[in-house]
PDB file of N, CA and C in Angstrom:
ATOM      1  N   UNK A   1     -22.295 -31.437  29.310  1.00  0.00           N
ATOM      2  CA  UNK A   1     -23.097 -31.687  29.176  1.00  0.00           C
ATOM      3  C   UNK A   1     -23.382 -33.062  28.868  1.00  0.00           C
ATOM      4  N   UNK A   2     -23.486 -33.930  29.683  1.00  0.00           N
ATOM      5  CA  UNK A   2     -23.103 -35.328  29.389  1.00  0.00           C
ATOM      6  C   UNK A   2     -24.885 -35.876  29.107  1.00  0.00           C
ATOM      7  N   UNK A   3     -24.432 -36.953  28.202  1.00  0.00           N
ATOM      8  CA  UNK A   3     -26.082 -37.680  27.700  1.00  0.00           C
ATOM      9  C   UNK A   3     -25.689 -38.546  28.831  1.00  0.00           C
ATOM     10  N   UNK A   4     -27.289 -39.546  29.293  1.00  0.00           N
ATOM     11  CA  UNK A   4     -27.424 -40.377  30.256  1.00  0.00           C
ATOM     12  C   UNK A   4     -28.142 -41.546  28.900  1.00  0.00           C
ATOM     13  N   UNK A   5     -27.140 -42.785  29.489  1.00  0.00           N
ATOM     14  CA  UNK A   5     -27.611 -43.259  28.629  1.00  0.00           C
ATOM     15  C   UNK A   5     -28.664 -44.716  29.911  1.00  0.00           C
ATOM     16  N   UNK A   6     -28.389 -45.588  28.942  1.00  0.00           N
ATOM     17  CA  UNK A   6     -28.910 -47.050  29.542  1.00  0.00           C
ATOM     18  C   UNK A   6     -28.966 -48.261  28.385  1.00  0.00           C
ATOM     19  N   UNK A   7     -29.097 -49.176  28.949  1.00  0.00           N
ATOM     20  CA  UNK A   7     -28.566 -50.820  28.274  1.00  0.00           C
ATOM     21  C   UNK A   7     -29.902 -51.043  28.922  1.00  0.00           C
ATOM     22  N   UNK A   8     -29.269 -52.711  27.555  1.00  0.00           N
ATOM     23  CA  UNK A   8     -30.452 -53.556  27.424  1.00  0.00           C
ATOM     24  C   UNK A   8     -29.884 -54.480  26.774  1.00  0.00           C
ATOM     25  N   UNK A   9     -30.547 -55.599  26.789  1.00  0.00           N
ATOM     26  CA  UNK A   9     -29.791 -57.159  26.400  1.00  0.00           C
ATOM     27  C   UNK A   9     -30.749 -56.689  25.180  1.00  0.00           C
ATOM     28  N   UNK A  10     -29.944 -57.173  24.008  1.00  0.00           N
ATOM     29  CA  UNK A  10     -30.820 -57.325  22.558  1.00  0.00           C
ATOM     30  C   UNK A  10     -30.363 -58.585  21.898  1.00  0.00           C
ATOM     31  N   UNK A  11     -31.960 -58.987  21.633  1.00  0.00           N
ATOM     32  CA  UNK A  11     -31.571 -60.626  20.750  1.00  0.00           C
ATOM     33  C   UNK A  11     -31.684 -60.160  19.310  1.00  0.00           C
ATOM     34  N   UNK A  12     -30.880 -60.862  19.066  1.00  0.00           N
ATOM     35  CA  UNK A  12     -30.611 -61.082  17.171  1.00  0.00           C
ATOM     36  C   UNK A  12     -30.087 -62.263  17.005  1.00  0.00           C
ATOM     37  N   UNK A  13     -31.186 -62.607  15.778  1.00  0.00           N
ATOM     38  CA  UNK A  13     -30.373 -63.824  15.059  1.00  0.00           C
ATOM     39  C   UNK A  13     -29.391 -63.331  14.982  1.00  0.00           C
ATOM     40  N   UNK A  14     -28.242 -64.662  14.641  1.00  0.00           N
ATOM     41  CA  UNK A  14     -27.444 -64.841  14.170  1.00  0.00           C
ATOM     42  C   UNK A  14     -26.562 -64.047  13.133  1.00  0.00           C
ATOM     43  N   UNK A  15     -27.901 -64.234  12.013  1.00  0.00           N
ATOM     44  CA  UNK A  15     -27.050 -63.808  10.987  1.00  0.00           C
ATOM     45  C   UNK A  15     -27.690 -62.322  10.650  1.00  0.00           C
ATOM     46  N   UNK A  16     -28.486 -61.852  11.289  1.00  0.00           N
ATOM     47  CA  UNK A  16     -28.868 -60.307  11.210  1.00  0.00           C
ATOM     48  C   UNK A  16     -27.479 -60.036  11.691  1.00  0.00           C
ATOM     49  N   UNK A  17     -27.147 -60.482  13.250  1.00  0.00           N
ATOM     50  CA  UNK A  17     -25.950 -60.096  14.459  1.00  0.00           C
ATOM     51  C   UNK A  17     -24.787 -59.608  13.074  1.00  0.00           C
ATOM     52  N   UNK A  18     -24.407 -60.671  12.035  1.00  0.00           N
ATOM     53  CA  UNK A  18     -23.331 -60.746  11.400  1.00  0.00           C
ATOM     54  C   UNK A  18     -23.400 -59.532  10.098  1.00  0.00           C
ATOM     55  N   UNK A  19     -24.278 -59.945  10.117  1.00  0.00           N
ATOM     56  CA  UNK A  19     -24.203 -58.903   8.609  1.00  0.00           C
ATOM     57  C   UNK A  19     -24.308 -57.707   9.138  1.00  0.00           C
ATOM     58  N   UNK A  20     -25.412 -57.272  10.565  1.00  0.00           N
ATOM     59  CA  UNK A  20     -24.727 -55.787  11.213  1.00  0.00           C
ATOM     60  C   UNK A  20     -23.507 -55.404  11.581  1.00  0.00           C
ATOM     61  N   UNK A  21     -22.276 -56.140  11.683  1.00  0.00           N
ATOM     62  CA  UNK A  21     -21.264 -56.128  12.356  1.00  0.00           C
ATOM     63  C   UNK A  21     -20.237 -55.956  11.179  1.00  0.00           C
ATOM     64  N   UNK A  22     -21.150 -56.809  10.359  1.00  0.00           N
ATOM     65  CA  UNK A  22     -20.111 -56.057   8.380  1.00  0.00           C
ATOM     66  C   UNK A  22     -20.387 -54.851   8.324  1.00  0.00           C
ATOM     67  N   UNK A  23     -21.547 -54.100   8.206  1.00  0.00           N
ATOM     68  CA  UNK A  23     -21.593 -53.042   7.888  1.00  0.00           C
ATOM     69  C   UNK A  23     -20.924 -51.941   8.617  1.00  0.00           C
ATOM     70  N   UNK A  24     -21.584 -52.357  10.055  1.00  0.00           N
ATOM     71  CA  UNK A  24     -20.911 -51.302  10.675  1.00  0.00           C
ATOM     72  C   UNK A  24     -19.521 -50.987  10.482  1.00  0.00           C
ATOM     73  N   UNK A  25     -18.514 -52.286  10.330  1.00  0.00           N
ATOM     74  CA  UNK A  25     -17.063 -52.194  10.153  1.00  0.00           C
ATOM     75  C   UNK A  25     -16.863 -51.128   8.855  1.00  0.00           C
ATOM     76  N   UNK A  26     -17.440 -51.822   7.819  1.00  0.00           N
ATOM     77  CA  UNK A  26     -17.384 -51.126   6.713  1.00  0.00           C
ATOM     78  C   UNK A  26     -17.974 -49.499   6.716  1.00  0.00           C
ATOM     79  N   UNK A  27     -19.072 -49.169   8.107  1.00  0.00           N
ATOM     80  CA  UNK A  27     -19.059 -47.908   7.994  1.00  0.00           C
ATOM     81  C   UNK A  27     -18.208 -47.123   9.253  1.00  0.00           C
ATOM     82  N   UNK A  28     -17.328 -48.135   9.800  1.00  0.00           N
ATOM     83  CA  UNK A  28     -16.219 -47.326  10.844  1.00  0.00           C
ATOM     84  C   UNK A  28     -17.220 -47.289  12.179  1.00  0.00           C
ATOM     85  N   UNK A  29     -17.741 -47.797  12.501  1.00  0.00           N
ATOM     86  CA  UNK A  29     -18.395 -47.272  13.615  1.00  0.00           C
ATOM     87  C   UNK A  29     -18.623 -48.447  14.348  1.00  0.00           C
ATOM     88  N   UNK A  30     -18.562 -48.685  15.956  1.00  0.00           N
ATOM     89  CA  UNK A  30     -18.767 -49.793  16.349  1.00  0.00           C
ATOM     90  C   UNK A  30     -20.304 -50.454  15.831  1.00  0.00           C
ATOM     91  N   UNK A  31     -20.942 -51.766  16.132  1.00  0.00           N
ATOM     92  CA  UNK A  31     -21.792 -52.115  16.489  1.00  0.00           C
ATOM     93  C   UNK A  31     -22.898 -51.099  17.308  1.00  0.00           C
ATOM     94  N   UNK A  32     -22.458 -50.963  18.105  1.00  0.00           N
ATOM     95  CA  UNK A  32     -23.399 -50.183  19.113  1.00  0.00           C
ATOM     96  C   UNK A  32     -23.813 -48.375  18.678  1.00  0.00           C
ATOM     97  N   UNK A  33     -22.694 -47.885  18.069  1.00  0.00           N
ATOM     98  CA  UNK A  33     -22.826 -46.462  17.327  1.00  0.00           C
ATOM     99  C   UNK A  33     -23.563 -46.951  16.666  1.00  0.00           C
ATOM    100  N   UNK A  34     -23.527 -48.044  15.708  1.00  0.00           N
ATOM    101  CA  UNK A  34     -24.194 -48.409  14.175  1.00  0.00           C
ATOM    102  C   UNK A  34     -25.761 -47.790  14.646  1.00  0.00           C
ATOM    103  N   UNK A  35     -26.403 -49.045  15.685  1.00  0.00           N
ATOM    104  CA  UNK A  35     -27.388 -49.289  15.686  1.00  0.00           C
ATOM    105  C   UNK A  35     -28.267 -47.899  16.429  1.00  0.00           C
ATOM    106  N   UNK A  36     -27.442 -47.557  17.522  1.00  0.00           N
ATOM    107  CA  UNK A  36     -27.872 -46.035  17.725  1.00  0.00           C
ATOM    108  C   UNK A  36     -28.135 -45.044  16.751  1.00  0.00           C
ATOM    109  N   UNK A  37     -27.437 -44.846  15.488  1.00  0.00           N
ATOM    110  CA  UNK A  37     -28.119 -44.260  14.480  1.00  0.00           C
ATOM    111  C   UNK A  37     -29.203 -44.649  14.058  1.00  0.00           C
ATOM    112  N   UNK A  38     -29.077 -45.854  13.384  1.00  0.00           N
ATOM    113  CA  UNK A  38     -30.083 -46.673  13.009  1.00  0.00           C
ATOM    114  C   UNK A  38     -31.531 -45.952  13.602  1.00  0.00           C
ATOM    115  N   UNK A  39     -31.200 -46.633  14.862  1.00  0.00           N
ATOM    116  CA  UNK A  39     -32.859 -46.242  15.511  1.00  0.00           C
ATOM    117  C   UNK A  39     -33.123 -44.895  15.438  1.00  0.00           C
ATOM    118  N   UNK A  40     -32.222 -43.768  15.728  1.00  0.00           N
ATOM    119  CA  UNK A  40     -32.417 -42.412  15.794  1.00  0.00           C
ATOM    120  C   UNK A  40     -32.746 -42.146  14.065  1.00  0.00           C
ATOM    121  N   UNK A  41     -32.357 -42.369  12.995  1.00  0.00           N
ATOM    122  CA  UNK A  41     -32.631 -42.476  11.936  1.00  0.00           C
ATOM    123  C   UNK A  41     -34.414 -42.393  11.682  1.00  0.00           C
ATOM    124  N   UNK A  42     -34.730 -43.953  12.435  1.00  0.00           N
ATOM    125  CA  UNK A  42     -36.378 -44.478  12.507  1.00  0.00           C
ATOM    126  C   UNK A  42     -36.830 -43.707  12.236  1.00  0.00           C
ATOM    127  N   UNK A  43     -36.783 -42.699  14.129  1.00  0.00           N
ATOM    128  CA  UNK A  43     -37.326 -42.266  14.434  1.00  0.00           C
ATOM    129  C   UNK A  43     -37.594 -40.849  14.222  1.00  0.00           C
ATOM    130  N   UNK A  44     -36.627 -40.303  13.833  1.00  0.00           N
ATOM    131  CA  UNK A  44     -36.912 -38.968  12.518  1.00  0.00           C
ATOM    132  C   UNK A  44     -37.289 -39.467  11.547  1.00  0.00           C
ATOM    133  N   UNK A  45     -37.423 -40.123  11.067  1.00  0.00           N
ATOM    134  CA  UNK A  45     -38.535 -40.682   9.409  1.00  0.00           C
ATOM    135  C   UNK A  45     -39.361 -40.136  10.146  1.00  0.00           C
ATOM    136  N   UNK A  46     -40.128 -41.168  11.498  1.00  0.00           N
ATOM    137  CA  UNK A  46     -41.356 -41.388  11.931  1.00  0.00           C
ATOM    138  C   UNK A  46     -42.130 -40.398  12.337  1.00  0.00           C
ATOM    139  N   UNK A  47     -41.031 -39.484  13.210  1.00  0.00           N
ATOM    140  CA  UNK A  47     -41.548 -38.539  13.703  1.00  0.00           C
ATOM    141  C   UNK A  47     -41.951 -37.132  12.247  1.00  0.00           C
ATOM    142  N   UNK A  48     -41.171 -36.710  11.530  1.00  0.00           N
ATOM    143  CA  UNK A  48     -41.602 -36.679   9.933  1.00  0.00           C
ATOM    144  C   UNK A  48     -42.704 -36.890   9.930  1.00  0.00           C
ATOM    145  N   UNK A  49     -42.770 -38.271   9.523  1.00  0.00           N
ATOM    146  CA  UNK A  49     -44.160 -38.251   8.735  1.00  0.00           C
ATOM    147  C   UNK A  49     -45.916 -38.129  10.072  1.00  0.00           C
ATOM    148  N   UNK A  50     -45.223 -38.102  10.647  1.00  0.00           N
ATOM    149  CA  UNK A  50     -46.547 -37.462  12.082  1.00  0.00           C
ATOM    150  C   UNK A  50     -46.231 -36.201  12.172  1.00  0.00           C
ATOM    151  N   UNK A  51     -45.935 -35.175  11.649  1.00  0.00           N
ATOM    152  CA  UNK A  51     -45.186 -34.137  11.566  1.00  0.00           C
ATOM    153  C   UNK A  51     -46.257 -34.165  10.529  1.00  0.00           C
ATOM    154  N   UNK A  52     -46.283 -34.175   9.397  1.00  0.00           N
ATOM    155  CA  UNK A  52     -46.509 -33.412   8.160  1.00  0.00           C
ATOM    156  C   UNK A  52     -47.896 -33.845   8.359  1.00  0.00           C
ATOM    157  N   UNK A  53     -48.435 -35.873   8.655  1.00  0.00           N
ATOM    158  CA  UNK A  53     -49.963 -35.696   8.690  1.00  0.00           C
ATOM    159  C   UNK A  53     -50.263 -34.892   9.780  1.00  0.00           C
ATOM    160  N   UNK A  54     -49.942 -34.877  10.776  1.00  0.00           N
ATOM    161  CA  UNK A  54     -50.671 -33.131  11.530  1.00  0.00           C
ATOM    162  C   UNK A  54     -50.921 -32.303  10.768  1.00  0.00           C
ATOM    163  N   UNK A  55     -50.178 -31.777  10.117  1.00  0.00           N
ATOM    164  CA  UNK A  55     -50.214 -30.315   9.605  1.00  0.00           C
ATOM    165  C   UNK A  55     -50.960 -30.611   8.243  1.00  0.00           C
ATOM    166  N   UNK A  56     -50.908 -31.760   7.837  1.00  0.00           N
ATOM    167  CA  UNK A  56     -52.465 -32.195   6.937  1.00  0.00           C
ATOM    168  C   UNK A  56     -53.332 -31.817   7.268  1.00  0.00           C
ATOM    169  N   UNK A  57     -53.336 -31.863   8.019  1.00  0.00           N
ATOM    170  CA  UNK A  57     -55.380 -32.378   8.826  1.00  0.00           C
ATOM    171  C   UNK A  57     -55.478 -30.848   9.706  1.00  0.00           C
ATOM    172  N   UNK A  58     -54.586 -30.454   9.146  1.00  0.00           N
ATOM    173  CA  UNK A  58     -54.844 -28.386   9.641  1.00  0.00           C
ATOM    174  C   UNK A  58     -55.100 -27.781   8.123  1.00  0.00           C
ATOM    175  N   UNK A  59     -54.268 -28.448   7.411  1.00  0.00           N
ATOM    176  CA  UNK A  59     -54.516 -27.939   5.846  1.00  0.00           C
ATOM    177  C   UNK A  59     -55.943 -27.397   5.532  1.00  0.00           C
ATOM    178  N   UNK A  60     -55.643 -25.719   4.637  1.00  0.00           N
ATOM    179  CA  UNK A  60     -57.024 -25.746   4.223  1.00  0.00           C
ATOM    180  C   UNK A  60     -57.276 -25.174   2.883  1.00  0.00           C
ATOM    181  N   UNK A  61     -57.739 -26.381   2.415  1.00  0.00           N
ATOM    182  CA  UNK A  61     -57.587 -26.820   0.914  1.00  0.00           C
ATOM    183  C   UNK A  61     -58.188 -25.678  -0.048  1.00  0.00           C
ATOM    184  N   UNK A  62     -58.931 -24.193   0.377  1.00  0.00           N
ATOM    185  CA  UNK A  62     -59.732 -23.771  -0.212  1.00  0.00           C
ATOM    186  C   UNK A  62     -59.111 -22.115  -0.466  1.00  0.00           C
ATOM    187  N   UNK A  63     -57.956 -22.314   1.321  1.00  0.00           N
ATOM    188  CA  UNK A  63     -57.020 -21.170   0.600  1.00  0.00           C
ATOM    189  C   UNK A  63     -55.942 -21.560  -0.344  1.00  0.00           C
ATOM    190  N   UNK A  64     -55.492 -23.159  -0.268  1.00  0.00           N
ATOM    191  CA  UNK A  64     -54.490 -23.474  -1.302  1.00  0.00           C
ATOM    192  C   UNK A  64     -54.964 -23.496  -2.554  1.00  0.00           C
ATOM    193  N   UNK A  65     -56.168 -23.508  -2.822  1.00  0.00           N
ATOM    194  CA  UNK A  65     -56.136 -23.161  -4.254  1.00  0.00           C
ATOM    195  C   UNK A  65     -56.126 -21.970  -4.702  1.00  0.00           C
ATOM    196  N   UNK A  66     -56.965 -21.191  -3.871  1.00  0.00           N
ATOM    197  CA  UNK A  66     -57.109 -19.767  -4.179  1.00  0.00           C
ATOM    198  C   UNK A  66     -55.781 -19.412  -4.139  1.00  0.00           C
ATOM    199  N   UNK A  67     -54.716 -19.604  -3.396  1.00  0.00           N
ATOM    200  CA  UNK A  67     -53.475 -18.899  -3.607  1.00  0.00           C
ATOM    201  C   UNK A  67     -52.295 -19.431  -5.408  1.00  0.00           C
ATOM    202  N   UNK A  68     -53.086 -20.934  -5.552  1.00  0.00           N
ATOM    203  CA  UNK A  68     -52.191 -21.161  -6.749  1.00  0.00           C
ATOM    204  C   UNK A  68     -52.886 -20.748  -7.939  1.00  0.00           C
ATOM    205  N   UNK A  69     -54.194 -20.370  -8.049  1.00  0.00           N
ATOM    206  CA  UNK A  69     -54.795 -19.359  -8.735  1.00  0.00           C
ATOM    207  C   UNK A  69     -55.372 -18.355  -8.737  1.00  0.00           C
ATOM    208  N   UNK A  70     -54.016 -17.332  -8.343  1.00  0.00           N
ATOM    209  CA  UNK A  70     -54.382 -16.121  -7.979  1.00  0.00           C
ATOM    210  C   UNK A  70     -53.387 -15.177  -9.141  1.00  0.00           C
ATOM    211  N   UNK A  71     -54.057 -14.437 -10.031  1.00  0.00           N
ATOM    212  CA  UNK A  71     -53.179 -13.298 -10.860  1.00  0.00           C
ATOM    213  C   UNK A  71     -52.191 -12.705 -10.421  1.00  0.00           C
ATOM    214  N   UNK A  72     -51.580 -12.409 -11.676  1.00  0.00           N
ATOM    215  CA  UNK A  72     -49.749 -11.999 -10.737  1.00  0.00           C
ATOM    216  C   UNK A  72     -49.023 -12.674 -11.134  1.00  0.00           C
ATOM    217  N   UNK A  73     -47.956 -12.258 -10.682  1.00  0.00           N
ATOM    218  CA  UNK A  73     -47.222 -12.774  -9.979  1.00  0.00           C
ATOM    219  C   UNK A  73     -46.107 -13.625 -11.294  1.00  0.00           C
ATOM    220  N   UNK A  74     -45.101 -14.394 -11.319  1.00  0.00           N
ATOM    221  CA  UNK A  74     -44.174 -14.318 -12.620  1.00  0.00           C
ATOM    222  C   UNK A  74     -44.406 -15.879 -12.942  1.00  0.00           C
ATOM    223  N   UNK A  75     -44.545 -15.962 -14.452  1.00  0.00           N
ATOM    224  CA  UNK A  75     -44.640 -17.522 -14.863  1.00  0.00           C
ATOM    225  C   UNK A  75     -43.723 -18.605 -14.412  1.00  0.00           C
ATOM    226  N   UNK A  76     -43.866 -19.489 -14.660  1.00  0.00           N
ATOM    227  CA  UNK A  76     -43.818 -20.877 -14.333  1.00  0.00           C
ATOM    228  C   UNK A  76     -41.674 -20.756 -14.700  1.00  0.00           C
ATOM    229  N   UNK A  77     -40.650 -21.221 -14.703  1.00  0.00           N
ATOM    230  CA  UNK A  77     -39.557 -21.067 -15.309  1.00  0.00           C
ATOM    231  C   UNK A  77     -39.670 -22.336 -16.404  1.00  0.00           C
ATOM    232  N   UNK A  78     -38.756 -22.575 -17.296  1.00  0.00           N
ATOM    233  CA  UNK A  78     -39.300 -23.176 -18.279  1.00  0.00           C
ATOM    234  C   UNK A  78     -38.099 -24.973 -17.294  1.00  0.00           C
ATOM    235  N   UNK A  79     -38.017 -25.333 -16.442  1.00  0.00           N
ATOM    236  CA  UNK A  79     -37.331 -25.985 -16.104  1.00  0.00           C
ATOM    237  C   UNK A  79     -38.380 -26.731 -14.892  1.00  0.00           C
ATOM    238  N   UNK A  80     -39.307 -25.827 -14.713  1.00  0.00           N
ATOM    239  CA  UNK A  80     -40.546 -25.916 -13.860  1.00  0.00           C
ATOM    240  C   UNK A  80     -41.748 -26.909 -14.054  1.00  0.00           C
ATOM    241  N   UNK A  81     -41.330 -26.903 -15.775  1.00  0.00           N
ATOM    242  CA  UNK A  81     -42.624 -27.480 -16.311  1.00  0.00           C
ATOM    243  C   UNK A  81     -42.920 -28.669 -15.948  1.00  0.00           C
ATOM    244  N   UNK A  82     -44.301 -29.426 -16.501  1.00  0.00           N
ATOM    245  CA  UNK A  82     -44.586 -30.440 -15.849  1.00  0.00           C
ATOM    246  C   UNK A  82     -44.955 -30.990 -17.611  1.00  0.00           C
ATOM    247  N   UNK A  83     -44.354 -31.908 -17.966  1.00  0.00           N
ATOM    248  CA  UNK A  83     -44.742 -32.352 -19.337  1.00  0.00           C
ATOM    249  C   UNK A  83     -45.754 -33.556 -19.335  1.00  0.00           C
TER     250      UNK A  83
END
């Protein structure tokens, strides 16, 4: 399966382009590949934020409190203690 690609001109300040070239070279990637990965990481972060915001809006806080306050189970381990 081949990935379809699209191109577009990108205008960058000279200083930003130079910094990106240095970093992508240090990373062992082309400038294009570095920018594609950076864009994908930003999209993933924003989509993750959206996912958790959506999940938060459906949260049942009363059920959450009931679960936290239920009797039984095992006590917290020493490394789980909050000082």
